[in-house]
């Protein structure tokens, strides 16, 4: 996918821990019901915790108009499945094409790693995210779960064959 004008993606390295922290905490404040973790759970994490996340996972920052405005991660689970996680785009960058570019970046990573599909989970109330993933070829698998919030938020697993 060609990057829309004014957007860019950059893989984060361990020394980018503060950028990851800032984007993640902003995402948790912006969309508190969309993620497994909450702002309260992550705001107190120390530098080493953020660095560990960057050592253990693939994380990309998305830029819009030269500013950090998005986040997505990828990992391989214990079953060997590629997973997309932590997807978020700042309100000011929504509609710019950045979200699609972030998704395609994880799909490209999974293809290069020889993974046959990519999985993700999305909260039921997050209709905008569900539509976005469906536009990018993801379909519900039929598996359901709940985000561990109070009250719990229902979520669905989606998959995209590569």
C-alpha atoms as a PDB file:
ATOM      1  CA  UNK A   1       0.000   0.000   0.000  1.00  0.00           C
ATOM      2  CA  UNK A   2       1.309   3.437  -0.892  1.00  0.00           C
ATOM      3  CA  UNK A   3       1.366   5.786   2.070  1.00  0.00           C
ATOM      4  CA  UNK A   4      -1.290   8.484   1.805  1.00  0.00           C
ATOM      5  CA  UNK A   5       0.152  12.000   1.491  1.00  0.00           C
ATOM      6  CA  UNK A   6       1.245  13.302   4.874  1.00  0.00           C
ATOM      7  CA  UNK A   7       1.456   9.866   6.515  1.00  0.00           C
ATOM      8  CA  UNK A   8       4.356   7.616   7.404  1.00  0.00           C
ATOM      9  CA  UNK A   9       5.040   4.507   9.490  1.00  0.00           C
ATOM     10  CA  UNK A  10       8.086   3.802  11.624  1.00  0.00           C
ATOM     11  CA  UNK A  11       8.957   0.669  13.555  1.00  0.00           C
ATOM     12  CA  UNK A  12       9.735   1.514  17.163  1.00  0.00           C
ATOM     13  CA  UNK A  13      12.956   0.351  18.774  1.00  0.00           C
ATOM     14  CA  UNK A  14      13.669  -0.057  22.461  1.00  0.00           C
ATOM     15  CA  UNK A  15      15.013   3.503  22.722  1.00  0.00           C
ATOM     16  CA  UNK A  16      11.570   4.738  21.563  1.00  0.00           C
ATOM     17  CA  UNK A  17       9.996   3.609  24.832  1.00  0.00           C
ATOM     18  CA  UNK A  18       8.812   7.128  25.766  1.00  0.00           C
ATOM     19  CA  UNK A  19       7.022   7.543  22.422  1.00  0.00           C
ATOM     20  CA  UNK A  20       5.316   4.164  22.898  1.00  0.00           C
ATOM     21  CA  UNK A  21       4.288   5.184  26.417  1.00  0.00           C
ATOM     22  CA  UNK A  22       2.894   8.533  25.252  1.00  0.00           C
ATOM     23  CA  UNK A  23       0.951   7.054  22.318  1.00  0.00           C
ATOM     24  CA  UNK A  24      -0.391   4.146  24.351  1.00  0.00           C
ATOM     25  CA  UNK A  25      -1.536   6.298  27.266  1.00  0.00           C
ATOM     26  CA  UNK A  26      -3.173   8.732  24.843  1.00  0.00           C
ATOM     27  CA  UNK A  27      -4.957   5.809  23.161  1.00  0.00           C
ATOM     28  CA  UNK A  28      -6.180   4.461  26.499  1.00  0.00           C
ATOM     29  CA  UNK A  29      -7.571   7.880  27.451  1.00  0.00           C
ATOM     30  CA  UNK A  30      -9.163   8.375  24.019  1.00  0.00           C
ATOM     31  CA  UNK A  31     -10.788   4.930  23.738  1.00  0.00           C
ATOM     32  CA  UNK A  32     -11.018   3.446  27.241  1.00  0.00           C
ATOM     33  CA  UNK A  33     -13.381   0.634  26.236  1.00  0.00           C
ATOM     34  CA  UNK A  34     -11.365  -0.541  23.232  1.00  0.00           C
ATOM     35  CA  UNK A  35      -8.363  -2.182  24.883  1.00  0.00           C
ATOM     36  CA  UNK A  36      -7.677  -4.980  27.346  1.00  0.00           C
ATOM     37  CA  UNK A  37      -5.736  -2.643  29.605  1.00  0.00           C
ATOM     38  CA  UNK A  38      -6.862   0.622  31.118  1.00  0.00           C
ATOM     39  CA  UNK A  39      -5.127   3.936  31.546  1.00  0.00           C
ATOM     40  CA  UNK A  40      -5.040   3.376  35.328  1.00  0.00           C
ATOM     41  CA  UNK A  41      -3.267   0.028  34.835  1.00  0.00           C
ATOM     42  CA  UNK A  42      -0.582   1.400  32.519  1.00  0.00           C
ATOM     43  CA  UNK A  43       0.073   4.979  33.628  1.00  0.00           C
ATOM     44  CA  UNK A  44       2.363   3.808  36.418  1.00  0.00           C
ATOM     45  CA  UNK A  45       4.532   1.482  34.320  1.00  0.00           C
ATOM     46  CA  UNK A  46       8.230   2.283  34.515  1.00  0.00           C
ATOM     47  CA  UNK A  47      10.734   2.704  31.704  1.00  0.00           C
ATOM     48  CA  UNK A  48      11.834  -0.934  31.849  1.00  0.00           C
ATOM     49  CA  UNK A  49       8.261  -2.163  31.354  1.00  0.00           C
ATOM     50  CA  UNK A  50       7.882  -0.046  28.213  1.00  0.00           C
ATOM     51  CA  UNK A  51      11.291  -1.167  26.923  1.00  0.00           C
ATOM     52  CA  UNK A  52      10.322  -4.804  27.507  1.00  0.00           C
ATOM     53  CA  UNK A  53       7.219  -4.348  25.365  1.00  0.00           C
ATOM     54  CA  UNK A  54       9.395  -3.136  22.518  1.00  0.00           C
ATOM     55  CA  UNK A  55      11.752  -6.086  22.930  1.00  0.00           C
ATOM     56  CA  UNK A  56       8.915  -8.620  23.041  1.00  0.00           C
ATOM     57  CA  UNK A  57       6.625  -7.221  20.321  1.00  0.00           C
ATOM     58  CA  UNK A  58       6.678  -5.580  16.959  1.00  0.00           C
ATOM     59  CA  UNK A  59       5.348  -2.023  17.379  1.00  0.00           C
ATOM     60  CA  UNK A  60       4.842   0.650  14.732  1.00  0.00           C
ATOM     61  CA  UNK A  61       4.062   4.333  15.162  1.00  0.00           C
ATOM     62  CA  UNK A  62       2.043   6.112  12.527  1.00  0.00           C
ATOM     63  CA  UNK A  63       2.702   9.737  11.645  1.00  0.00           C
ATOM     64  CA  UNK A  64       0.264  12.251  10.221  1.00  0.00           C
ATOM     65  CA  UNK A  65       1.369  15.730   9.194  1.00  0.00           C
ATOM     66  CA  UNK A  66       4.762  14.991  10.756  1.00  0.00           C
ATOM     67  CA  UNK A  67       3.365  14.164  14.212  1.00  0.00           C
ATOM     68  CA  UNK A  68       2.960  10.799  15.950  1.00  0.00           C
ATOM     69  CA  UNK A  69      -0.730   9.974  15.508  1.00  0.00           C
ATOM     70  CA  UNK A  70      -1.158   6.201  15.527  1.00  0.00           C
ATOM     71  CA  UNK A  71      -0.017   2.922  16.928  1.00  0.00           C
ATOM     72  CA  UNK A  72      -0.226  -0.759  16.026  1.00  0.00           C
ATOM     73  CA  UNK A  73       1.539  -3.878  17.162  1.00  0.00           C
ATOM     74  CA  UNK A  74       2.023  -7.422  16.044  1.00  0.00           C
ATOM     75  CA  UNK A  75       3.072 -10.633  17.733  1.00  0.00           C
ATOM     76  CA  UNK A  76       3.005 -14.379  17.229  1.00  0.00           C
ATOM     77  CA  UNK A  77       0.966 -16.178  19.871  1.00  0.00           C
ATOM     78  CA  UNK A  78       1.672 -19.571  21.438  1.00  0.00           C
ATOM     79  CA  UNK A  79      -0.215 -21.307  18.617  1.00  0.00           C
ATOM     80  CA  UNK A  80       2.041 -19.698  16.017  1.00  0.00           C
ATOM     81  CA  UNK A  81      -0.678 -17.303  14.829  1.00  0.00           C
ATOM     82  CA  UNK A  82       0.162 -13.727  13.836  1.00  0.00           C
ATOM     83  CA  UNK A  83      -1.895 -11.181  15.750  1.00  0.00           C
ATOM     84  CA  UNK A  84      -2.605  -7.495  15.249  1.00  0.00           C
ATOM     85  CA  UNK A  85      -2.978  -5.574  18.507  1.00  0.00           C
ATOM     86  CA  UNK A  86      -2.974  -2.135  20.078  1.00  0.00           C
ATOM     87  CA  UNK A  87      -4.436  -0.449  16.972  1.00  0.00           C
ATOM     88  CA  UNK A  88      -5.235   3.220  17.497  1.00  0.00           C
ATOM     89  CA  UNK A  89      -5.305   6.421  15.424  1.00  0.00           C
ATOM     90  CA  UNK A  90      -5.614   9.904  16.911  1.00  0.00           C
ATOM     91  CA  UNK A  91      -8.927  11.647  16.197  1.00  0.00           C
ATOM     92  CA  UNK A  92      -7.192  14.345  14.115  1.00  0.00           C
ATOM     93  CA  UNK A  93      -5.706  11.685  11.803  1.00  0.00           C
ATOM     94  CA  UNK A  94      -8.845   9.578  11.335  1.00  0.00           C
ATOM     95  CA  UNK A  95      -9.948   9.521   7.725  1.00  0.00           C
ATOM     96  CA  UNK A  96      -6.405  10.265   6.508  1.00  0.00           C
ATOM     97  CA  UNK A  97      -5.610   6.694   5.469  1.00  0.00           C
ATOM     98  CA  UNK A  98      -3.233   6.215   8.381  1.00  0.00           C
ATOM     99  CA  UNK A  99      -5.315   3.413   9.930  1.00  0.00           C
ATOM    100  CA  UNK A 100      -5.223   1.417   6.711  1.00  0.00           C
ATOM    101  CA  UNK A 101      -1.497   1.943   6.403  1.00  0.00           C
ATOM    102  CA  UNK A 102      -0.960   0.678   9.960  1.00  0.00           C
ATOM    103  CA  UNK A 103      -3.057  -2.429   9.271  1.00  0.00           C
ATOM    104  CA  UNK A 104      -1.257  -3.127   6.001  1.00  0.00           C
ATOM    105  CA  UNK A 105       2.094  -2.792   7.768  1.00  0.00           C
ATOM    106  CA  UNK A 106       1.191  -5.631  10.145  1.00  0.00           C
ATOM    107  CA  UNK A 107      -0.181  -7.715   7.261  1.00  0.00           C
ATOM    108  CA  UNK A 108       3.095  -7.203   5.375  1.00  0.00           C
ATOM    109  CA  UNK A 109       5.073  -8.288   8.451  1.00  0.00           C
ATOM    110  CA  UNK A 110       2.957 -11.447   8.810  1.00  0.00           C
ATOM    111  CA  UNK A 111       3.344 -12.309   5.104  1.00  0.00           C
ATOM    112  CA  UNK A 112       7.110 -11.827   5.290  1.00  0.00           C
ATOM    113  CA  UNK A 113       7.178 -14.101   8.348  1.00  0.00           C
ATOM    114  CA  UNK A 114       5.309 -16.794   6.409  1.00  0.00           C
ATOM    115  CA  UNK A 115       2.158 -16.635   8.517  1.00  0.00           C
ATOM    116  CA  UNK A 116      -1.015 -17.721   6.683  1.00  0.00           C
ATOM    117  CA  UNK A 117      -3.375 -15.309   8.453  1.00  0.00           C
ATOM    118  CA  UNK A 118      -3.624 -12.499  10.969  1.00  0.00           C
ATOM    119  CA  UNK A 119      -5.977 -12.497  13.953  1.00  0.00           C
ATOM    120  CA  UNK A 120      -7.277  -9.614  16.031  1.00  0.00           C
ATOM    121  CA  UNK A 121      -9.912  -8.931  18.655  1.00  0.00           C
ATOM    122  CA  UNK A 122     -12.269  -5.970  18.571  1.00  0.00           C
ATOM    123  CA  UNK A 123     -14.789  -4.784  21.153  1.00  0.00           C
ATOM    124  CA  UNK A 124     -18.406  -5.088  20.013  1.00  0.00           C
ATOM    125  CA  UNK A 125     -19.273  -1.442  20.741  1.00  0.00           C
ATOM    126  CA  UNK A 126     -16.380  -0.291  18.527  1.00  0.00           C
ATOM    127  CA  UNK A 127     -18.344  -0.260  15.258  1.00  0.00           C
ATOM    128  CA  UNK A 128     -15.873   2.074  13.540  1.00  0.00           C
ATOM    129  CA  UNK A 129     -13.010  -0.355  14.141  1.00  0.00           C
ATOM    130  CA  UNK A 130     -15.092  -3.341  13.051  1.00  0.00           C
ATOM    131  CA  UNK A 131     -15.950  -1.586   9.770  1.00  0.00           C
ATOM    132  CA  UNK A 132     -12.308  -0.618   9.243  1.00  0.00           C
ATOM    133  CA  UNK A 133     -11.101  -4.190   9.715  1.00  0.00           C
ATOM    134  CA  UNK A 134     -13.831  -5.547   7.439  1.00  0.00           C
ATOM    135  CA  UNK A 135     -12.788  -3.069   4.706  1.00  0.00           C
ATOM    136  CA  UNK A 136      -9.293  -4.545   5.017  1.00  0.00           C
ATOM    137  CA  UNK A 137     -10.491  -8.114   4.524  1.00  0.00           C
ATOM    138  CA  UNK A 138     -10.971  -9.270   8.114  1.00  0.00           C
ATOM    139  CA  UNK A 139     -13.993 -11.430   8.948  1.00  0.00           C
ATOM    140  CA  UNK A 140     -15.410 -12.629  12.273  1.00  0.00           C
ATOM    141  CA  UNK A 141     -14.239 -16.127  13.199  1.00  0.00           C
ATOM    142  CA  UNK A 142     -17.163 -16.828  15.524  1.00  0.00           C
ATOM    143  CA  UNK A 143     -14.986 -16.757  18.653  1.00  0.00           C
ATOM    144  CA  UNK A 144     -16.091 -14.299  21.319  1.00  0.00           C
ATOM    145  CA  UNK A 145     -14.737 -13.073  24.610  1.00  0.00           C
ATOM    146  CA  UNK A 146     -14.899 -10.159  26.993  1.00  0.00           C
ATOM    147  CA  UNK A 147     -12.618  -7.279  27.789  1.00  0.00           C
ATOM    148  CA  UNK A 148     -11.955  -7.398  31.535  1.00  0.00           C
ATOM    149  CA  UNK A 149     -13.525  -4.043  32.355  1.00  0.00           C
ATOM    150  CA  UNK A 150     -16.234  -3.199  34.836  1.00  0.00           C
ATOM    151  CA  UNK A 151     -18.681  -4.104  33.433  1.00  0.00           C
ATOM    152  CA  UNK A 152     -17.067  -6.526  30.972  1.00  0.00           C
ATOM    153  CA  UNK A 153     -17.160  -5.486  27.312  1.00  0.00           C
ATOM    154  CA  UNK A 154     -17.986  -8.172  24.720  1.00  0.00           C
ATOM    155  CA  UNK A 155     -15.452  -8.645  21.931  1.00  0.00           C
ATOM    156  CA  UNK A 156     -15.053 -10.722  18.782  1.00  0.00           C
ATOM    157  CA  UNK A 157     -12.121 -12.331  17.065  1.00  0.00           C
ATOM    158  CA  UNK A 158     -11.522 -11.446  13.409  1.00  0.00           C
ATOM    159  CA  UNK A 159      -9.189 -13.098  10.912  1.00  0.00           C
ATOM    160  CA  UNK A 160      -7.653 -12.165   7.579  1.00  0.00           C
ATOM    161  CA  UNK A 161      -6.232 -14.884   5.348  1.00  0.00           C
ATOM    162  CA  UNK A 162      -3.028 -13.823   3.605  1.00  0.00           C
END
